[in-house]
Protein backbone atom coordinates (compact mmCIF):
# COMPACT_ATOMS: atom_id res chain seq x y z
CA MET A 1 0.00 0.00 0.00
CA LYS A 2 2.89 2.36 0.75
CA LYS A 3 4.13 1.87 -2.77
CA TYR A 4 0.76 2.86 -4.24
CA SER A 5 0.43 5.79 -1.82
CA PHE A 6 3.81 7.04 -3.01
CA LEU A 7 2.71 6.78 -6.63
CA LEU A 8 -0.53 8.64 -5.96
CA SER A 9 1.32 11.45 -4.19
CA SER A 10 3.96 11.80 -6.93
CA VAL A 11 3.89 15.26 -8.53
CA GLY A 12 5.51 13.87 -11.67
CA LEU A 13 2.86 11.17 -11.98
CA LYS A 14 0.04 13.69 -11.54
CA GLN A 15 1.57 15.98 -14.15
CA SER A 16 2.04 13.04 -16.52
CA ILE A 17 -1.57 11.94 -16.09
CA LEU A 18 -2.88 15.50 -16.56
CA THR A 19 -0.82 16.02 -19.70
CA ILE A 20 -1.54 12.64 -21.26
CA ILE A 21 -5.28 12.76 -20.55
CA GLY A 22 -5.58 16.42 -21.54
CA ASN A 23 -3.58 15.98 -24.72
CA THR A 24 -5.52 12.83 -25.52
CA PHE A 25 -8.69 14.91 -25.64
CA GLY A 26 -6.91 17.54 -27.72
CA THR A 27 -5.53 14.85 -29.98
CA ALA A 28 -9.01 13.34 -30.29
CA PHE A 29 -10.32 16.66 -31.67
CA SER A 30 -7.39 16.94 -34.11
CA ALA A 31 -7.85 13.31 -35.12
CA LEU A 32 -11.57 13.79 -35.62
CA ALA A 33 -10.79 16.80 -37.81
CA LEU A 34 -8.45 14.66 -39.94
CA VAL A 35 -11.05 11.89 -40.10
CA LEU A 36 -13.65 14.35 -41.39
CA PHE A 37 -11.18 15.88 -43.85
CA SER A 38 -10.21 12.43 -45.16
CA ARG A 39 -13.85 11.35 -45.51
CA VAL A 40 -14.93 14.55 -47.27
CA LEU A 41 -11.90 14.78 -49.55
CA GLY A 42 -11.40 11.09 -50.39
CA PRO A 43 -7.98 9.42 -50.89
CA GLU A 44 -6.84 11.50 -53.88
CA LYS A 45 -7.58 14.98 -52.53
CA PHE A 46 -6.50 13.90 -49.06
CA GLY A 47 -3.24 12.88 -50.74
CA GLU A 48 -2.82 16.52 -51.81
CA PHE A 49 -3.61 17.67 -48.28
CA SER A 50 -1.03 15.23 -46.88
CA VAL A 51 1.76 16.34 -49.21
CA GLY A 52 1.32 19.89 -47.93
CA PHE A 53 1.10 18.67 -44.35
CA ALA A 54 4.34 16.67 -44.72
CA ILE A 55 6.13 19.78 -45.99
CA VAL A 56 4.84 21.81 -43.02
CA MET A 57 6.07 19.22 -40.52
CA ILE A 58 9.54 19.19 -42.08
CA LEU A 59 9.73 23.00 -42.28
CA THR A 60 8.64 23.29 -38.65
CA ARG A 61 11.58 21.14 -37.53
CA VAL A 62 14.00 23.08 -39.75
CA ASN A 63 12.74 26.37 -38.29
CA ASP A 64 13.11 25.04 -34.76
CA ILE A 65 16.66 23.62 -35.27
CA GLY A 66 16.63 22.21 -31.75
CA LEU A 67 15.78 25.48 -29.98
CA ASN A 68 12.79 23.99 -28.14
CA THR A 69 15.18 21.42 -26.67
CA ALA A 70 17.29 24.30 -25.38
CA ILE A 71 14.21 25.88 -23.79
CA LEU A 72 13.28 22.65 -22.02
CA LYS A 73 16.83 22.06 -20.79
CA TYR A 74 18.07 25.54 -19.81
CA ALA A 75 14.91 27.45 -18.94
CA THR A 76 13.81 24.53 -16.77
CA SER A 77 17.12 24.42 -14.90
CA PHE A 78 17.23 28.19 -14.19
CA GLU A 79 15.55 29.35 -11.00
CA LYS A 80 15.34 33.09 -11.78
CA ILE A 81 12.61 34.23 -14.15
CA SER A 82 15.03 36.80 -15.61
CA ASP A 83 17.30 33.97 -16.78
CA LYS A 84 14.33 32.08 -18.18
CA ASN A 85 13.27 35.20 -20.08
CA LYS A 86 16.70 35.38 -21.70
CA VAL A 87 16.33 31.82 -22.99
CA TYR A 88 12.83 32.53 -24.31
CA SER A 89 13.90 35.77 -26.01
CA LEU A 90 17.07 34.43 -27.63
CA THR A 91 15.35 31.33 -29.02
CA LEU A 92 12.40 33.34 -30.35
CA LYS A 93 14.71 35.81 -32.11
CA LEU A 94 16.59 33.00 -33.84
CA LYS A 95 13.34 31.41 -34.98
CA LEU A 96 12.11 34.68 -36.48
CA TYR A 97 15.29 35.01 -38.55
CA LEU A 98 14.92 31.45 -39.81
CA SER A 99 11.25 31.97 -40.66
CA LEU A 100 12.18 34.90 -42.88
CA VAL A 101 14.71 32.78 -44.79
CA ILE A 102 12.22 29.90 -45.21
CA PHE A 103 9.48 32.30 -46.35
CA ILE A 104 11.70 33.85 -49.06
CA PHE A 105 12.87 30.43 -50.25
CA GLY A 106 9.28 29.14 -50.45
CA VAL A 107 7.99 32.10 -52.47
CA PHE A 108 10.63 31.56 -55.14
CA SER A 109 10.73 27.75 -55.18
CA PHE A 110 7.18 26.41 -54.69
CA ASN A 111 6.62 25.83 -58.43
CA TRP A 112 9.92 23.99 -58.77
CA ILE A 113 9.13 21.78 -55.76
CA GLY A 114 5.76 20.95 -57.32
CA GLU A 115 7.48 19.84 -60.55
CA VAL A 116 9.97 17.65 -58.67
CA LEU A 117 7.16 15.92 -56.75
CA LYS A 118 4.91 15.71 -59.85
CA PHE A 119 2.33 17.57 -57.80
CA GLN A 120 -0.65 19.16 -59.51
CA ASN A 121 -1.45 21.76 -56.83
CA PRO A 122 1.71 23.87 -56.28
CA TYR A 123 -0.14 26.72 -54.54
CA LEU A 124 -0.81 24.35 -51.68
CA ILE A 125 2.99 24.12 -51.31
CA LEU A 126 3.14 27.92 -51.16
CA VAL A 127 0.59 27.90 -48.32
CA ALA A 128 2.83 25.41 -46.50
CA PHE A 129 5.76 27.82 -46.64
CA ILE A 130 3.77 30.90 -45.64
CA PHE A 131 1.14 29.80 -43.12
CA GLY A 132 2.63 26.48 -42.04
CA LEU A 133 5.24 28.29 -39.94
CA THR A 134 2.55 29.26 -37.40
CA THR A 135 3.19 25.85 -35.83
CA VAL A 136 6.74 27.01 -34.96
CA TYR A 137 5.43 29.74 -32.66
CA TYR A 138 2.72 27.55 -31.18
CA GLU A 139 5.45 25.06 -30.19
CA GLN A 140 7.57 27.93 -28.78
CA LEU A 141 4.66 28.87 -26.51
CA LEU A 142 4.12 25.22 -25.58
CA SER A 143 7.80 24.73 -24.67
CA MET A 144 7.80 27.89 -22.55
CA LEU A 145 4.77 26.70 -20.58
CA GLN A 146 6.32 23.27 -20.06
CA SER A 147 9.61 24.75 -18.86
CA LEU A 148 7.61 26.73 -16.29
CA HIS A 149 5.77 23.53 -15.33
CA TYR A 150 2.49 25.16 -16.42
CA PHE A 151 1.21 21.82 -17.67
CA PHE A 152 -2.47 22.71 -17.33
CA GLN A 153 -2.04 25.78 -19.54
CA ALA A 154 -0.09 23.65 -22.03
CA VAL A 155 -3.02 21.26 -22.21
CA VAL A 156 -5.43 24.18 -22.69
CA ILE A 157 -3.59 25.64 -25.70
CA ASN A 158 -3.35 22.21 -27.27
CA ALA A 159 -7.10 21.82 -26.91
CA LEU A 160 -7.68 25.33 -28.28
CA GLN A 161 -5.86 24.73 -31.57
CA ALA A 162 -7.38 21.24 -31.87
CA ILE A 163 -10.92 22.60 -31.49
CA ALA A 164 -10.15 25.20 -34.16
CA LYS A 165 -9.11 22.39 -36.55
CA LEU A 166 -12.29 20.47 -35.82
CA ALA A 167 -14.39 23.58 -36.42
CA GLY A 168 -12.89 23.87 -39.91
CA ALA A 169 -13.64 20.23 -40.69
CA LEU A 170 -17.24 20.59 -39.49
CA LEU A 171 -17.61 23.71 -41.62
CA MET A 172 -16.52 21.74 -44.69
CA VAL A 173 -19.04 18.98 -43.92
CA PHE A 174 -21.83 21.54 -43.37
CA LEU A 175 -21.07 23.45 -46.59
CA GLY A 176 -20.27 20.33 -48.61
CA LEU A 177 -16.84 21.68 -49.61
CA LYS A 178 -14.35 19.30 -51.24
CA SER A 179 -11.37 21.63 -51.50
CA SER A 180 -7.98 20.32 -50.36
CA PHE A 181 -6.71 23.93 -50.50
CA PHE A 182 -9.34 25.17 -48.01
CA ALA A 183 -8.91 22.16 -45.70
CA PHE A 184 -5.15 22.45 -45.63
CA SER A 185 -5.08 26.25 -45.16
CA TRP A 186 -7.49 26.06 -42.22
CA TYR A 187 -5.65 23.16 -40.60
CA VAL A 188 -2.18 24.75 -40.67
CA LEU A 189 -3.46 28.15 -39.53
CA ALA A 190 -5.28 26.75 -36.47
CA PRO A 191 -2.19 26.77 -34.17
CA ILE A 192 -1.99 30.57 -34.45
CA LEU A 193 -5.08 30.88 -32.21
CA PRO A 194 -3.37 30.18 -28.84
CA VAL A 195 -0.37 32.30 -29.94
CA ILE A 196 -2.69 35.30 -30.35
CA PHE A 197 -3.76 34.88 -26.72
CA ALA A 198 -0.26 34.11 -25.41
CA LYS A 199 -0.17 37.30 -23.34
CA PHE A 200 -3.12 36.06 -21.29
CA ILE A 201 -1.84 32.49 -21.01
CA LEU A 202 1.74 33.14 -19.88
CA PRO A 203 2.47 34.48 -16.37
CA LYS A 204 3.05 38.24 -16.12
CA GLU A 205 6.70 37.65 -15.16
CA VAL A 206 7.47 36.34 -18.64
CA ASN A 207 8.84 39.26 -20.63
CA LEU A 208 10.21 38.74 -24.14
CA LYS A 209 12.77 41.21 -25.52
CA LEU A 210 14.19 40.59 -28.98
CA SER A 211 16.90 43.18 -28.30
CA ILE A 212 18.38 41.09 -25.50
CA ASN A 213 21.89 39.67 -25.89
CA ASP A 214 23.89 37.24 -23.75
CA SER A 215 26.86 35.76 -25.59
CA GLN A 216 27.56 33.09 -22.96
CA LEU A 217 23.98 31.83 -22.86
CA ASN A 218 23.73 32.13 -26.63
CA SER A 219 26.77 29.88 -26.96
CA LYS A 220 25.24 27.27 -24.62
CA ILE A 221 22.00 27.30 -26.61
CA TRP A 222 23.83 26.82 -29.90
CA THR A 223 26.01 24.04 -28.48
CA LEU A 224 22.94 22.03 -27.55
CA ALA A 225 20.93 23.09 -30.61
CA LYS A 226 23.57 21.97 -33.13
CA HIS A 227 23.29 18.43 -31.79
CA SER A 228 19.55 18.27 -31.14
CA ALA A 229 18.77 20.03 -34.45
CA ILE A 230 19.98 17.03 -36.43
CA GLY A 231 17.87 14.68 -34.33
CA LEU A 232 14.74 16.85 -34.47
CA ILE A 233 15.01 17.70 -38.17
CA SER A 234 15.68 14.04 -38.83
CA ALA A 235 12.55 13.14 -36.85
CA GLY A 236 10.48 15.55 -38.95
CA ILE A 237 11.89 14.09 -42.15
CA ILE A 238 11.53 10.49 -40.95
CA GLU A 239 7.87 10.93 -40.04
CA ASN A 240 6.88 12.74 -43.24
CA VAL A 241 9.29 12.20 -46.12
CA ASP A 242 7.68 8.88 -47.10
CA ILE A 243 4.60 10.86 -48.18
CA LEU A 244 6.77 12.93 -50.51
CA PHE A 245 8.47 9.85 -51.98
CA LEU A 246 5.08 8.19 -52.53
CA GLN A 247 3.84 11.30 -54.30
CA LYS A 248 6.93 11.30 -56.54
CA TYR A 249 7.00 7.58 -57.41
CA LEU A 250 3.35 6.49 -57.13
CA SER A 251 -0.05 8.16 -57.58
CA THR A 252 -1.76 10.82 -55.48
CA TYR A 253 -4.48 8.25 -54.72
CA GLU A 254 -1.91 5.84 -53.23
CA THR A 255 -0.35 8.73 -51.33
CA GLY A 256 -3.75 9.56 -49.86
CA LEU A 257 -4.40 5.90 -48.96
CA PHE A 258 -1.10 5.72 -47.06
CA ALA A 259 -1.69 9.12 -45.47
CA GLY A 260 -5.18 8.15 -44.33
CA VAL A 261 -4.12 5.07 -42.37
CA SER A 262 -0.96 6.80 -41.14
CA ARG A 263 -3.16 9.43 -39.48
CA ILE A 264 -4.69 6.66 -37.38
CA ALA A 265 -1.21 5.49 -36.39
CA LEU A 266 -0.36 9.13 -35.67
CA LEU A 267 -2.74 9.04 -32.70
CA PHE A 268 -0.37 6.70 -30.92
CA SER A 269 2.67 8.72 -31.97
CA LEU A 270 1.04 11.77 -30.40
CA ALA A 271 0.70 9.80 -27.17
CA ALA A 272 4.49 9.46 -27.28
CA TYR A 273 4.78 13.20 -27.95
CA SER A 274 2.58 13.99 -24.93
CA LEU A 275 4.59 11.65 -22.72
CA GLY A 276 7.82 13.27 -23.86
CA ASN A 277 6.48 16.75 -23.10
CA VAL A 278 6.24 15.75 -19.43
CA LEU A 279 9.31 13.53 -19.12
CA TYR A 280 11.90 15.72 -20.87
CA PRO A 281 11.78 18.73 -18.51
CA ARG A 282 11.43 16.49 -15.43
CA VAL A 283 14.30 14.13 -16.24
CA ALA A 284 16.51 17.14 -17.06
CA LYS A 285 16.56 17.74 -13.27
CA TYR A 286 17.63 14.19 -12.38
CA HIS A 287 21.32 14.01 -11.44
CA GLN A 288 21.37 11.28 -8.80
CA LYS A 289 21.90 7.56 -9.38
CA LYS A 290 18.72 6.60 -7.52
CA ASP A 291 16.54 9.00 -9.52
CA ILE A 292 17.80 7.77 -12.89
CA GLY A 293 17.77 4.12 -11.75
CA ASP A 294 14.15 4.34 -10.58
CA PHE A 295 13.20 6.10 -13.79
CA LEU A 296 14.76 3.38 -15.97
CA LYS A 297 12.70 0.75 -14.12
CA LYS A 298 9.56 2.71 -14.94
CA ALA A 299 10.76 2.97 -18.55
CA LEU A 300 10.78 -0.84 -18.80
CA GLY A 301 7.16 -0.81 -17.60
CA ILE A 302 6.25 1.53 -20.46
CA VAL A 303 7.93 -0.86 -22.91
CA PHE A 304 5.75 -3.72 -21.62
CA LEU A 305 2.58 -1.62 -21.85
CA SER A 306 3.50 -0.59 -25.42
CA ILE A 307 3.82 -4.22 -26.52
CA LEU A 308 0.54 -5.11 -24.81
CA GLY A 309 -1.23 -2.14 -26.37
CA PHE A 310 -0.22 -3.15 -29.89
CA LEU A 311 -1.31 -6.77 -29.40
CA VAL A 312 -4.72 -5.64 -28.14
CA LEU A 313 -5.17 -3.36 -31.16
CA ILE A 314 -4.46 -5.96 -33.89
CA PRO A 315 -7.94 -7.61 -34.04
CA PHE A 316 -9.69 -4.23 -34.28
CA SER A 317 -7.66 -2.62 -37.10
CA LYS A 318 -10.29 -3.11 -39.84
CA PHE A 319 -13.06 -1.76 -37.61
CA ILE A 320 -10.94 1.27 -36.76
CA ILE A 321 -10.51 2.08 -40.45
CA LEU A 322 -14.18 1.48 -41.24
CA PHE A 323 -15.53 3.67 -38.43
CA SER A 324 -12.95 6.43 -38.76
CA ILE A 325 -11.67 7.29 -42.23
CA GLY A 326 -14.12 4.99 -44.03
CA GLN A 327 -14.50 2.01 -46.36
CA GLN A 328 -12.61 3.75 -49.18
CA TYR A 329 -9.37 3.34 -47.16
CA MET A 330 -9.87 -0.36 -46.29
CA ALA A 331 -7.16 -1.43 -48.76
CA GLY A 332 -4.64 0.09 -46.35
CA ASN A 333 -5.31 -2.29 -43.43
CA SER A 334 -1.96 -4.12 -43.64
CA ILE A 335 -0.20 -0.74 -43.88
CA LEU A 336 -2.02 0.42 -40.74
CA LEU A 337 -0.75 -2.55 -38.70
CA ILE A 338 2.86 -1.91 -39.70
CA LEU A 339 2.62 1.83 -39.01
CA THR A 340 0.89 1.24 -35.67
CA ALA A 341 3.68 -1.12 -34.61
CA ALA A 342 6.11 1.68 -35.44
CA SER A 343 4.09 4.13 -33.33
CA PHE A 344 4.11 1.83 -30.29
CA LEU A 345 7.88 1.47 -30.67
CA ALA A 346 8.09 5.27 -30.59
CA ILE A 347 6.15 5.30 -27.29
CA ALA A 348 8.48 2.64 -25.84
CA ALA A 349 11.55 4.69 -26.80
CA ILE A 350 10.42 8.02 -25.27
CA PRO A 351 11.48 7.35 -21.62
CA PHE A 352 14.96 6.34 -22.78
CA VAL A 353 15.23 9.44 -24.96
CA ALA A 354 14.33 11.48 -21.86
CA THR A 355 17.43 10.24 -20.01
CA PHE A 356 19.63 12.13 -22.49
CA TYR A 357 18.26 15.39 -21.08
CA SER A 358 20.11 14.40 -17.91
CA PHE A 359 23.25 12.70 -19.27
CA GLN A 360 26.08 14.80 -20.66
CA ALA A 361 25.70 13.29 -24.12
CA ASP A 362 24.26 15.94 -26.44
CA TRP A 363 25.85 14.08 -29.38
CA TYR A 364 23.17 11.40 -28.99
CA PHE A 365 20.57 13.61 -30.71
CA SER A 366 22.70 14.09 -33.83
CA VAL A 367 23.97 10.50 -34.05
CA SER A 368 20.51 8.96 -33.61
CA GLY A 369 19.10 11.35 -36.20
CA ILE A 370 21.75 10.51 -38.78
CA LEU A 371 21.26 6.74 -38.29
CA GLN A 372 17.52 7.07 -38.81
CA LEU A 373 17.93 9.29 -41.86
CA ILE A 374 20.15 6.74 -43.55
CA VAL A 375 17.54 4.00 -43.10
CA VAL A 376 14.66 6.24 -44.22
CA PHE A 377 16.28 7.47 -47.41
CA VAL A 378 17.69 4.09 -48.42
CA GLY A 379 14.34 2.40 -47.77
CA ASN A 380 12.26 4.96 -49.66
CA ILE A 381 14.62 5.56 -52.57
CA VAL A 382 15.55 1.91 -53.18
CA PHE A 383 12.38 -0.02 -52.31
CA VAL A 384 9.33 2.28 -52.72
CA PRO A 385 9.56 2.49 -56.57
CA THR A 386 9.47 -1.32 -56.74
CA PHE A 387 7.41 -2.48 -53.77
CA GLY A 388 5.13 0.53 -53.25
CA LEU A 389 3.21 1.38 -50.08
CA GLU A 390 4.33 -1.55 -47.93
CA ALA A 391 7.98 -0.67 -48.50
CA ALA A 392 7.35 2.80 -47.09
CA ALA A 393 5.57 1.32 -44.05
CA TRP A 394 8.29 -1.27 -43.36
CA THR A 395 10.94 1.43 -43.69
CA ARG A 396 9.24 3.45 -40.95
CA LEU A 397 8.95 0.39 -38.68
CA ILE A 398 12.62 -0.58 -39.11
CA THR A 399 13.61 3.02 -38.41
CA ARG A 400 11.65 3.04 -35.13
CA LEU A 401 13.12 -0.33 -34.12
CA LEU A 402 16.63 0.98 -34.76
CA LEU A 403 15.92 4.06 -32.62
CA PHE A 404 14.54 1.96 -29.75
CA VAL A 405 17.45 -0.50 -29.68
CA PHE A 406 20.09 2.22 -30.01
CA THR A 407 18.50 4.57 -27.44
CA SER A 408 17.62 2.01 -24.76
CA GLY A 409 20.99 0.24 -25.02
CA LEU A 410 22.96 3.49 -24.88
CA SER A 411 20.82 4.78 -22.00
CA PHE A 412 21.65 1.78 -19.79
CA TYR A 413 25.31 1.96 -20.81
CA LEU A 414 25.63 5.64 -19.89
CA TYR A 415 23.76 5.06 -16.63
CA LYS A 416 26.27 2.40 -15.58
CA ARG A 417 29.27 4.43 -16.74
CA THR A 418 28.09 7.72 -15.18
CA TYR A 419 27.29 6.23 -11.79
CA ALA A 420 29.84 3.39 -11.68
CA LYS A 421 31.61 4.83 -8.61
CA ASN A 422 28.40 5.46 -6.62
């Protein structure tokens, strides 16, 4: 009973439960929006939507270049709000500069990108470059709230942008619209809503000044960012580049079929994202052998639950497709099972990834990213033209398995090496 009393009184556990449950509801609204978009648009037009969405996800990671990781690590560790404000201001300024570069590049290259991808709707790519960057500033706000341990407010803004997405989907259903351009534009603009109200969401002590300069802190941010950028950009590419390869080598219909079932698998990936949002800033404060040791034991429990969750899901995969995105996507059932397995592997890996916010091993983020990129590009370039959709799905699964084995093994190794004398 003492053990369970300890668990119930754990602040970390309460925050984890709040975030996971709250984000699950937010995710449910976003997922429902995607379900409605996919049903209204059908596989081909949803394929167009998904190409744009893939570009947004990659651009968001490029614009971030690991700066959110710096917020979670340094702003969390600082006690003074003035030091936290420096981190927030410096990272925001860097993101604004990068957004300007991405915007200019997109305006002059969207037609060329459309030709390379054999994409018939290049203006949707232009929207991705212009409006898609709103996600960057939503994630900046989210990271700031998490670093302050304002987990309830973080859940609220996630719900706010998710409800906005759902409202757009319902509007399309009500008006009978079948425009991939409208659906995509609404969806990528939705995250701007909580950013507009950021002043009322953040505590009054948070004060952003773009004129601020601190060369020592700036150097620390860049040192971490240059390693984590590779990992984060790689993650954005890994999760989305298969859509672009499918568009290039196959048909827009097949791209939409893959994208439809991958959105179901995305629900479980977002569970991993929510878990990471809580674990990363908390584990960054762990510097004792007992804390890390206890955490690794809990990580093994999450691995077990991930395996169990996937096994339970298998018999229901066809019903999930039928009652979510619809009969027209049923041909993607085998793809769904492979992608879902990959998503559960991502959940299992998250606690081990969190340990690297404590260990002095920033190089992990770049090395793991490069390893995954190699697998993703080889798999999609070599096998997708010949074997089609299943090759893209198996490539994603093998990539996740590689990440899990590499991360968990290295985590235990560094734990033993770091605390060998204790």
